[in-house]
């Protein structure tokens, strides 16, 4: 009877659940290692991950801003000339 309650609580046999949890833990541990988290200093690793994503975001913004300015130097004068020419035609 107690075994049925345990099986119902765990969602299967204890050994099968233990194996599933172990495999899932290995998979999650691998993924966390790939993104740079370390269980010995997980708080520092999370902070470092957030900082690198934050810095990457600003680097991407800076990259986007440079292309925007470079394109605007060409696009805005051409657009302005086209608008002036069209306004003279009407």
PDB file of N, CA and C in Angstrom:
ATOM      1  N   UNK A   1       0.823  -1.187   0.000  1.00  0.00           N
ATOM      2  CA  UNK A   1       0.000   0.000   0.000  1.00  0.00           C
ATOM      3  C   UNK A   1       0.871   1.255   0.000  1.00  0.00           C
ATOM      4  N   UNK A   2       1.905   1.269   0.831  1.00  0.00           N
ATOM      5  CA  UNK A   2       2.793   2.426   0.890  1.00  0.00           C
ATOM      6  C   UNK A   2       3.550   2.577  -0.423  1.00  0.00           C
ATOM      7  N   UNK A   3       3.862   1.421  -1.060  1.00  0.00           N
ATOM      8  CA  UNK A   3       4.565   1.459  -2.336  1.00  0.00           C
ATOM      9  C   UNK A   3       3.692   2.087  -3.420  1.00  0.00           C
ATOM     10  N   UNK A   4       2.370   1.810  -3.389  1.00  0.00           N
ATOM     11  CA  UNK A   4       1.455   2.430  -4.355  1.00  0.00           C
ATOM     12  C   UNK A   4       1.406   3.944  -4.170  1.00  0.00           C
ATOM     13  N   UNK A   5       1.396   4.395  -2.932  1.00  0.00           N
ATOM     14  CA  UNK A   5       1.390   5.832  -2.659  1.00  0.00           C
ATOM     15  C   UNK A   5       2.664   6.493  -3.160  1.00  0.00           C
ATOM     16  N   UNK A   6       3.792   5.832  -2.967  1.00  0.00           N
ATOM     17  CA  UNK A   6       5.071   6.363  -3.440  1.00  0.00           C
ATOM     18  C   UNK A   6       5.112   6.410  -4.965  1.00  0.00           C
ATOM     19  N   UNK A   7       4.632   5.315  -5.610  1.00  0.00           N
ATOM     20  CA  UNK A   7       4.587   5.285  -7.078  1.00  0.00           C
ATOM     21  C   UNK A   7       3.683   6.390  -7.620  1.00  0.00           C
ATOM     22  N   UNK A   8       2.554   6.582  -6.974  1.00  0.00           N
ATOM     23  CA  UNK A   8       1.618   7.611  -7.413  1.00  0.00           C
ATOM     24  C   UNK A   8       2.242   8.998  -7.231  1.00  0.00           C
ATOM     25  N   UNK A   9       2.920   9.190  -6.120  1.00  0.00           N
ATOM     26  CA  UNK A   9       3.566  10.475  -5.848  1.00  0.00           C
ATOM     27  C   UNK A   9       4.683  10.760  -6.853  1.00  0.00           C
ATOM     28  N   UNK A  10       5.503   9.749  -7.141  1.00  0.00           N
ATOM     29  CA  UNK A  10       6.641   9.933  -8.042  1.00  0.00           C
ATOM     30  C   UNK A  10       6.236   9.896  -9.514  1.00  0.00           C
ATOM     31  N   UNK A  11       5.124   9.241  -9.820  1.00  0.00           N
ATOM     32  CA  UNK A  11       4.695   9.115 -11.211  1.00  0.00           C
ATOM     33  C   UNK A  11       5.274   7.904 -11.898  1.00  0.00           C
ATOM     34  N   UNK A  12       5.709   6.934 -11.167  1.00  0.00           N
ATOM     35  CA  UNK A  12       6.284   5.712 -11.719  1.00  0.00           C
ATOM     36  C   UNK A  12       7.086   4.999 -10.654  1.00  0.00           C
ATOM     37  N   UNK A  13       7.800   3.976 -11.079  1.00  0.00           N
ATOM     38  CA  UNK A  13       8.604   3.242 -10.105  1.00  0.00           C
ATOM     39  C   UNK A  13       9.772   4.111  -9.651  1.00  0.00           C
ATOM     40  N   UNK A  14      10.159   3.985  -8.389  1.00  0.00           N
ATOM     41  CA  UNK A  14      11.253   4.824  -7.871  1.00  0.00           C
ATOM     42  C   UNK A  14      12.556   4.684  -8.669  1.00  0.00           C
ATOM     43  N   UNK A  15      12.896   3.459  -9.099  1.00  0.00           N
ATOM     44  CA  UNK A  15      14.131   3.260  -9.853  1.00  0.00           C
ATOM     45  C   UNK A  15      14.062   3.947 -11.223  1.00  0.00           C
ATOM     46  N   UNK A  16      12.926   3.821 -11.904  1.00  0.00           N
ATOM     47  CA  UNK A  16      12.776   4.464 -13.215  1.00  0.00           C
ATOM     48  C   UNK A  16      12.844   5.983 -13.079  1.00  0.00           C
ATOM     49  N   UNK A  17      12.208   6.523 -12.059  1.00  0.00           N
ATOM     50  CA  UNK A  17      12.240   7.970 -11.840  1.00  0.00           C
ATOM     51  C   UNK A  17      13.654   8.422 -11.501  1.00  0.00           C
ATOM     52  N   UNK A  18      14.363   7.642 -10.696  1.00  0.00           N
ATOM     53  CA  UNK A  18      15.744   7.974 -10.341  1.00  0.00           C
ATOM     54  C   UNK A  18      16.629   8.019 -11.589  1.00  0.00           C
ATOM     55  N   UNK A  19      16.458   7.052 -12.480  1.00  0.00           N
ATOM     56  CA  UNK A  19      17.247   7.021 -13.716  1.00  0.00           C
ATOM     57  C   UNK A  19      16.900   8.217 -14.601  1.00  0.00           C
ATOM     58  N   UNK A  20      15.593   8.519 -14.743  1.00  0.00           N
ATOM     59  CA  UNK A  20      15.176   9.671 -15.552  1.00  0.00           C
ATOM     60  C   UNK A  20      15.734  10.973 -14.988  1.00  0.00           C
ATOM     61  N   UNK A  21      15.673  11.120 -13.663  1.00  0.00           N
ATOM     62  CA  UNK A  21      16.192  12.339 -13.040  1.00  0.00           C
ATOM     63  C   UNK A  21      17.702  12.455 -13.214  1.00  0.00           C
ATOM     64  N   UNK A  22      18.413  11.321 -13.125  1.00  0.00           N
ATOM     65  CA  UNK A  22      19.863  11.341 -13.311  1.00  0.00           C
ATOM     66  C   UNK A  22      20.215  11.753 -14.738  1.00  0.00           C
ATOM     67  N   UNK A  23      19.521  11.176 -15.734  1.00  0.00           N
ATOM     68  CA  UNK A  23      19.788  11.534 -17.127  1.00  0.00           C
ATOM     69  C   UNK A  23      19.441  12.991 -17.409  1.00  0.00           C
ATOM     70  N   UNK A  24      18.320  13.450 -16.876  1.00  0.00           N
ATOM     71  CA  UNK A  24      17.935  14.845 -17.058  1.00  0.00           C
ATOM     72  C   UNK A  24      18.939  15.779 -16.388  1.00  0.00           C
ATOM     73  N   UNK A  25      19.439  15.391 -15.219  1.00  0.00           N
ATOM     74  CA  UNK A  25      20.438  16.206 -14.519  1.00  0.00           C
ATOM     75  C   UNK A  25      21.728  16.301 -15.319  1.00  0.00           C
ATOM     76  N   UNK A  26      22.131  15.199 -15.944  1.00  0.00           N
ATOM     77  CA  UNK A  26      23.335  15.219 -16.777  1.00  0.00           C
ATOM     78  C   UNK A  26      23.131  16.142 -17.972  1.00  0.00           C
ATOM     79  N   UNK A  27      21.965  16.056 -18.613  1.00  0.00           N
ATOM     80  CA  UNK A  27      21.671  16.905 -19.765  1.00  0.00           C
ATOM     81  C   UNK A  27      21.657  18.382 -19.381  1.00  0.00           C
ATOM     82  N   UNK A  28      20.983  18.711 -18.287  1.00  0.00           N
ATOM     83  CA  UNK A  28      20.924  20.104 -17.831  1.00  0.00           C
ATOM     84  C   UNK A  28      22.312  20.589 -17.425  1.00  0.00           C
ATOM     85  N   UNK A  29      23.083  19.733 -16.766  1.00  0.00           N
ATOM     86  CA  UNK A  29      24.448  20.093 -16.394  1.00  0.00           C
ATOM     87  C   UNK A  29      25.313  20.389 -17.604  1.00  0.00           C
ATOM     88  N   UNK A  30      25.137  19.597 -18.663  1.00  0.00           N
ATOM     89  CA  UNK A  30      25.879  19.835 -19.901  1.00  0.00           C
ATOM     90  C   UNK A  30      25.496  21.176 -20.515  1.00  0.00           C
ATOM     91  N   UNK A  31      24.194  21.447 -20.592  1.00  0.00           N
ATOM     92  CA  UNK A  31      23.728  22.715 -21.170  1.00  0.00           C
ATOM     93  C   UNK A  31      24.243  23.896 -20.352  1.00  0.00           C
ATOM     94  N   UNK A  32      24.191  23.787 -19.025  1.00  0.00           N
ATOM     95  CA  UNK A  32      24.679  24.872 -18.172  1.00  0.00           C
ATOM     96  C   UNK A  32      26.178  25.083 -18.341  1.00  0.00           C
ATOM     97  N   UNK A  33      26.917  23.992 -18.549  1.00  0.00           N
ATOM     98  CA  UNK A  33      28.350  24.107 -18.787  1.00  0.00           C
ATOM     99  C   UNK A  33      28.622  24.794 -20.119  1.00  0.00           C
ATOM    100  N   UNK A  34      27.817  24.479 -21.134  1.00  0.00           N
ATOM    101  CA  UNK A  34      27.996  25.091 -22.450  1.00  0.00           C
ATOM    102  C   UNK A  34      27.780  26.597 -22.385  1.00  0.00           C
ATOM    103  N   UNK A  35      26.787  27.049 -21.597  1.00  0.00           N
ATOM    104  CA  UNK A  35      26.555  28.493 -21.507  1.00  0.00           C
ATOM    105  C   UNK A  35      27.422  29.158 -20.452  1.00  0.00           C
ATOM    106  N   UNK A  36      28.302  28.392 -19.823  1.00  0.00           N
ATOM    107  CA  UNK A  36      29.305  28.987 -18.955  1.00  0.00           C
ATOM    108  C   UNK A  36      28.996  28.995 -17.474  1.00  0.00           C
ATOM    109  N   UNK A  37      27.998  28.238 -17.036  1.00  0.00           N
ATOM    110  CA  UNK A  37      27.697  28.198 -15.603  1.00  0.00           C
ATOM    111  C   UNK A  37      28.487  27.078 -14.943  1.00  0.00           C
ATOM    112  N   UNK A  38      28.962  27.329 -13.749  1.00  0.00           N
ATOM    113  CA  UNK A  38      29.766  26.374 -12.998  1.00  0.00           C
ATOM    114  C   UNK A  38      29.099  26.143 -11.650  1.00  0.00           C
ATOM    115  N   UNK A  39      28.865  24.892 -11.253  1.00  0.00           N
ATOM    116  CA  UNK A  39      28.162  24.662  -9.986  1.00  0.00           C
ATOM    117  C   UNK A  39      28.941  25.120  -8.753  1.00  0.00           C
ATOM    118  N   UNK A  40      30.256  25.232  -8.854  1.00  0.00           N
ATOM    119  CA  UNK A  40      31.036  25.664  -7.694  1.00  0.00           C
ATOM    120  C   UNK A  40      30.811  27.121  -7.359  1.00  0.00           C
ATOM    121  N   UNK A  41      30.581  27.906  -8.352  1.00  0.00           N
ATOM    122  CA  UNK A  41      30.347  29.331  -8.113  1.00  0.00           C
ATOM    123  C   UNK A  41      29.211  29.807  -9.008  1.00  0.00           C
ATOM    124  N   UNK A  42      28.053  29.226  -8.824  1.00  0.00           N
ATOM    125  CA  UNK A  42      26.929  29.459  -9.727  1.00  0.00           C
ATOM    126  C   UNK A  42      26.463  30.912  -9.712  1.00  0.00           C
ATOM    127  N   UNK A  43      26.495  31.565  -8.570  1.00  0.00           N
ATOM    128  CA  UNK A  43      26.071  32.967  -8.530  1.00  0.00           C
ATOM    129  C   UNK A  43      27.010  33.853  -9.337  1.00  0.00           C
ATOM    130  N   UNK A  44      28.304  33.624  -9.201  1.00  0.00           N
ATOM    131  CA  UNK A  44      29.266  34.389  -9.990  1.00  0.00           C
ATOM    132  C   UNK A  44      29.080  34.089 -11.471  1.00  0.00           C
ATOM    133  N   UNK A  45      28.829  32.828 -11.802  1.00  0.00           N
ATOM    134  CA  UNK A  45      28.641  32.441 -13.195  1.00  0.00           C
ATOM    135  C   UNK A  45      27.397  33.087 -13.789  1.00  0.00           C
ATOM    136  N   UNK A  46      26.321  33.147 -13.018  1.00  0.00           N
ATOM    137  CA  UNK A  46      25.096  33.784 -13.502  1.00  0.00           C
ATOM    138  C   UNK A  46      25.344  35.272 -13.733  1.00  0.00           C
ATOM    139  N   UNK A  47      26.043  35.908 -12.797  1.00  0.00           N
ATOM    140  CA  UNK A  47      26.368  37.330 -12.957  1.00  0.00           C
ATOM    141  C   UNK A  47      27.236  37.555 -14.191  1.00  0.00           C
ATOM    142  N   UNK A  48      28.231  36.694 -14.404  1.00  0.00           N
ATOM    143  CA  UNK A  48      29.103  36.824 -15.575  1.00  0.00           C
ATOM    144  C   UNK A  48      28.318  36.610 -16.864  1.00  0.00           C
ATOM    145  N   UNK A  49      27.378  35.676 -16.855  1.00  0.00           N
ATOM    146  CA  UNK A  49      26.551  35.438 -18.035  1.00  0.00           C
ATOM    147  C   UNK A  49      25.693  36.658 -18.350  1.00  0.00           C
ATOM    148  N   UNK A  50      25.090  37.237 -17.323  1.00  0.00           N
ATOM    149  CA  UNK A  50      24.248  38.420 -17.524  1.00  0.00           C
ATOM    150  C   UNK A  50      25.083  39.587 -18.041  1.00  0.00           C
ATOM    151  N   UNK A  51      26.274  39.759 -17.481  1.00  0.00           N
ATOM    152  CA  UNK A  51      27.156  40.843 -17.954  1.00  0.00           C
ATOM    153  C   UNK A  51      27.567  40.645 -19.405  1.00  0.00           C
ATOM    154  N   UNK A  52      27.897  39.411 -19.782  1.00  0.00           N
ATOM    155  CA  UNK A  52      28.321  39.174 -21.168  1.00  0.00           C
ATOM    156  C   UNK A  52      27.169  39.389 -22.136  1.00  0.00           C
ATOM    157  N   UNK A  53      25.957  38.968 -21.755  1.00  0.00           N
ATOM    158  CA  UNK A  53      24.789  39.212 -22.609  1.00  0.00           C
ATOM    159  C   UNK A  53      24.508  40.707 -22.687  1.00  0.00           C
ATOM    160  N   UNK A  54      24.629  41.401 -21.555  1.00  0.00           N
ATOM    161  CA  UNK A  54      24.413  42.847 -21.501  1.00  0.00           C
ATOM    162  C   UNK A  54      25.412  43.571 -22.398  1.00  0.00           C
ATOM    163  N   UNK A  55      26.698  43.192 -22.273  1.00  0.00           N
ATOM    164  CA  UNK A  55      27.738  43.811 -23.097  1.00  0.00           C
ATOM    165  C   UNK A  55      27.538  43.488 -24.570  1.00  0.00           C
ATOM    166  N   UNK A  56      27.149  42.266 -24.854  1.00  0.00           N
ATOM    167  CA  UNK A  56      26.885  41.883 -26.232  1.00  0.00           C
ATOM    168  C   UNK A  56      25.748  42.712 -26.799  1.00  0.00           C
ATOM    169  N   UNK A  57      24.737  42.967 -25.969  1.00  0.00           N
ATOM    170  CA  UNK A  57      23.616  43.788 -26.418  1.00  0.00           C
ATOM    171  C   UNK A  57      24.062  45.186 -26.780  1.00  0.00           C
ATOM    172  N   UNK A  58      24.917  45.784 -25.961  1.00  0.00           N
ATOM    173  CA  UNK A  58      25.404  47.128 -26.268  1.00  0.00           C
ATOM    174  C   UNK A  58      26.347  47.125 -27.460  1.00  0.00           C
ATOM    175  N   UNK A  59      27.128  46.063 -27.622  1.00  0.00           N
ATOM    176  CA  UNK A  59      27.978  45.966 -28.805  1.00  0.00           C
ATOM    177  C   UNK A  59      27.120  45.854 -30.057  1.00  0.00           C
ATOM    178  N   UNK A  60      26.043  45.098 -29.977  1.00  0.00           N
ATOM    179  CA  UNK A  60      25.134  44.979 -31.119  1.00  0.00           C
ATOM    180  C   UNK A  60      24.470  46.324 -31.403  1.00  0.00           C
ATOM    181  N   UNK A  61      24.109  47.051 -30.352  1.00  0.00           N
ATOM    182  CA  UNK A  61      23.507  48.372 -30.528  1.00  0.00           C
ATOM    183  C   UNK A  61      24.499  49.328 -31.181  1.00  0.00           C
ATOM    184  N   UNK A  62      25.743  49.283 -30.729  1.00  0.00           N
ATOM    185  CA  UNK A  62      26.776  50.144 -31.315  1.00  0.00           C
ATOM    186  C   UNK A  62      26.995  49.796 -32.781  1.00  0.00           C
ATOM    187  N   UNK A  63      27.024  48.495 -33.086  1.00  0.00           N
ATOM    188  CA  UNK A  63      27.174  48.039 -34.469  1.00  0.00           C
ATOM    189  C   UNK A  63      26.012  48.541 -35.324  1.00  0.00           C
ATOM    190  N   UNK A  64      24.789  48.413 -34.809  1.00  0.00           N
ATOM    191  CA  UNK A  64      23.601  48.859 -35.530  1.00  0.00           C
ATOM    192  C   UNK A  64      23.628  50.373 -35.732  1.00  0.00           C
ATOM    193  N   UNK A  65      24.030  51.097 -34.701  1.00  0.00           N
ATOM    194  CA  UNK A  65      24.087  52.555 -34.767  1.00  0.00           C
ATOM    195  C   UNK A  65      25.072  53.020 -35.842  1.00  0.00           C
ATOM    196  N   UNK A  66      26.239  52.368 -35.947  1.00  0.00           N
ATOM    197  CA  UNK A  66      27.231  52.732 -36.966  1.00  0.00           C
ATOM    198  C   UNK A  66      26.666  52.550 -38.369  1.00  0.00           C
ATOM    199  N   UNK A  67      26.001  51.414 -38.602  1.00  0.00           N
ATOM    200  CA  UNK A  67      25.410  51.175 -39.916  1.00  0.00           C
ATOM    201  C   UNK A  67      24.284  52.151 -40.206  1.00  0.00           C
ATOM    202  N   UNK A  68      23.515  52.484 -39.177  1.00  0.00           N
ATOM    203  CA  UNK A  68      22.440  53.458 -39.359  1.00  0.00           C
ATOM    204  C   UNK A  68      23.007  54.808 -39.786  1.00  0.00           C
ATOM    205  N   UNK A  69      24.027  55.280 -39.095  1.00  0.00           N
ATOM    206  CA  UNK A  69      24.635  56.566 -39.444  1.00  0.00           C
ATOM    207  C   UNK A  69      25.281  56.536 -40.822  1.00  0.00           C
ATOM    208  N   UNK A  70      25.974  55.451 -41.124  1.00  0.00           N
ATOM    209  CA  UNK A  70      26.624  55.330 -42.421  1.00  0.00           C
ATOM    210  C   UNK A  70      25.598  55.343 -43.547  1.00  0.00           C
ATOM    211  N   UNK A  71      24.522  54.610 -43.371  1.00  0.00           N
ATOM    212  CA  UNK A  71      23.469  54.591 -44.383  1.00  0.00           C
ATOM    213  C   UNK A  71      22.744  55.915 -44.480  1.00  0.00           C
ATOM    214  N   UNK A  72      22.529  56.566 -43.342  1.00  0.00           N
ATOM    215  CA  UNK A  72      21.805  57.840 -43.329  1.00  0.00           C
ATOM    216  C   UNK A  72      22.568  58.927 -44.069  1.00  0.00           C
ATOM    217  N   UNK A  73      23.889  58.864 -44.048  1.00  0.00           N
ATOM    218  CA  UNK A  73      24.699  59.849 -44.768  1.00  0.00           C
ATOM    219  C   UNK A  73      24.392  59.799 -46.265  1.00  0.00           C
ATOM    220  N   UNK A  74      24.035  58.649 -46.779  1.00  0.00           N
ATOM    221  CA  UNK A  74      23.702  58.494 -48.197  1.00  0.00           C
ATOM    222  C   UNK A  74      22.200  58.637 -48.434  1.00  0.00           C
ATOM    223  N   UNK A  75      21.399  57.968 -47.623  1.00  0.00           N
ATOM    224  CA  UNK A  75      19.956  57.884 -47.861  1.00  0.00           C
ATOM    225  C   UNK A  75      19.250  59.217 -47.657  1.00  0.00           C
ATOM    226  N   UNK A  76      19.543  59.924 -46.585  1.00  0.00           N
ATOM    227  CA  UNK A  76      18.822  61.166 -46.267  1.00  0.00           C
ATOM    228  C   UNK A  76      19.030  62.231 -47.346  1.00  0.00           C
ATOM    229  N   UNK A  77      20.255  62.506 -47.795  1.00  0.00           N
ATOM    230  CA  UNK A  77      20.406  63.501 -48.871  1.00  0.00           C
ATOM    231  C   UNK A  77      19.694  63.091 -50.168  1.00  0.00           C
ATOM    232  N   UNK A  78      19.771  61.810 -50.536  1.00  0.00           N
ATOM    233  CA  UNK A  78      19.077  61.357 -51.748  1.00  0.00           C
ATOM    234  C   UNK A  78      17.573  61.521 -51.590  1.00  0.00           C
ATOM    235  N   UNK A  79      17.045  61.151 -50.436  1.00  0.00           N
ATOM    236  CA  UNK A  79      15.607  61.299 -50.174  1.00  0.00           C
ATOM    237  C   UNK A  79      15.210  62.773 -50.234  1.00  0.00           C
ATOM    238  N   UNK A  80      16.020  63.631 -49.640  1.00  0.00           N
ATOM    239  CA  UNK A  80      15.729  65.064 -49.630  1.00  0.00           C
ATOM    240  C   UNK A  80      15.745  65.638 -51.054  1.00  0.00           C
ATOM    241  N   UNK A  81      16.732  65.239 -51.857  1.00  0.00           N
ATOM    242  CA  UNK A  81      16.798  65.698 -53.246  1.00  0.00           C
ATOM    243  C   UNK A  81      15.582  65.209 -54.026  1.00  0.00           C
ATOM    244  N   UNK A  82      15.200  63.953 -53.830  1.00  0.00           N
ATOM    245  CA  UNK A  82      14.023  63.415 -54.523  1.00  0.00           C
ATOM    246  C   UNK A  82      12.758  64.167 -54.125  1.00  0.00           C
ATOM    247  N   UNK A  83      12.623  64.494 -52.850  1.00  0.00           N
ATOM    248  CA  UNK A  83      11.446  65.244 -52.395  1.00  0.00           C
ATOM    249  C   UNK A  83      11.425  66.645 -53.003  1.00  0.00           C
ATOM    250  N   UNK A  84      12.585  67.282 -53.077  1.00  0.00           N
ATOM    251  CA  UNK A  84      12.656  68.624 -53.672  1.00  0.00           C
ATOM    252  C   UNK A  84      12.310  68.592 -55.158  1.00  0.00           C
ATOM    253  N   UNK A  85      12.822  67.591 -55.864  1.00  0.00           N
ATOM    254  CA  UNK A  85      12.532  67.459 -57.293  1.00  0.00           C
ATOM    255  C   UNK A  85      11.049  67.184 -57.506  1.00  0.00           C
ATOM    256  N   UNK A  86      10.455  66.325 -56.685  1.00  0.00           N
ATOM    257  CA  UNK A  86       9.031  66.021 -56.819  1.00  0.00           C
ATOM    258  C   UNK A  86       8.167  67.233 -56.487  1.00  0.00           C
ATOM    259  N   UNK A  87       8.588  68.029 -55.531  1.00  0.00           N
ATOM    260  CA  UNK A  87       7.789  69.204 -55.167  1.00  0.00           C
ATOM    261  C   UNK A  87       7.818  70.252 -56.276  1.00  0.00           C
ATOM    262  N   UNK A  88       8.875  70.328 -57.055  1.00  0.00           N
ATOM    263  CA  UNK A  88       8.968  71.275 -58.169  1.00  0.00           C
ATOM    264  C   UNK A  88       8.095  70.833 -59.342  1.00  0.00           C
ATOM    265  N   UNK A  89       7.918  69.505 -59.485  1.00  0.00           N
ATOM    266  CA  UNK A  89       7.090  68.982 -60.573  1.00  0.00           C
ATOM    267  C   UNK A  89       5.612  69.256 -60.333  1.00  0.00           C
ATOM    268  N   UNK A  90       5.190  69.316 -59.090  1.00  0.00           N
ATOM    269  CA  UNK A  90       3.762  69.520 -58.797  1.00  0.00           C
ATOM    270  C   UNK A  90       3.396  70.944 -58.601  1.00  0.00           C
TER     271      UNK A  90
END
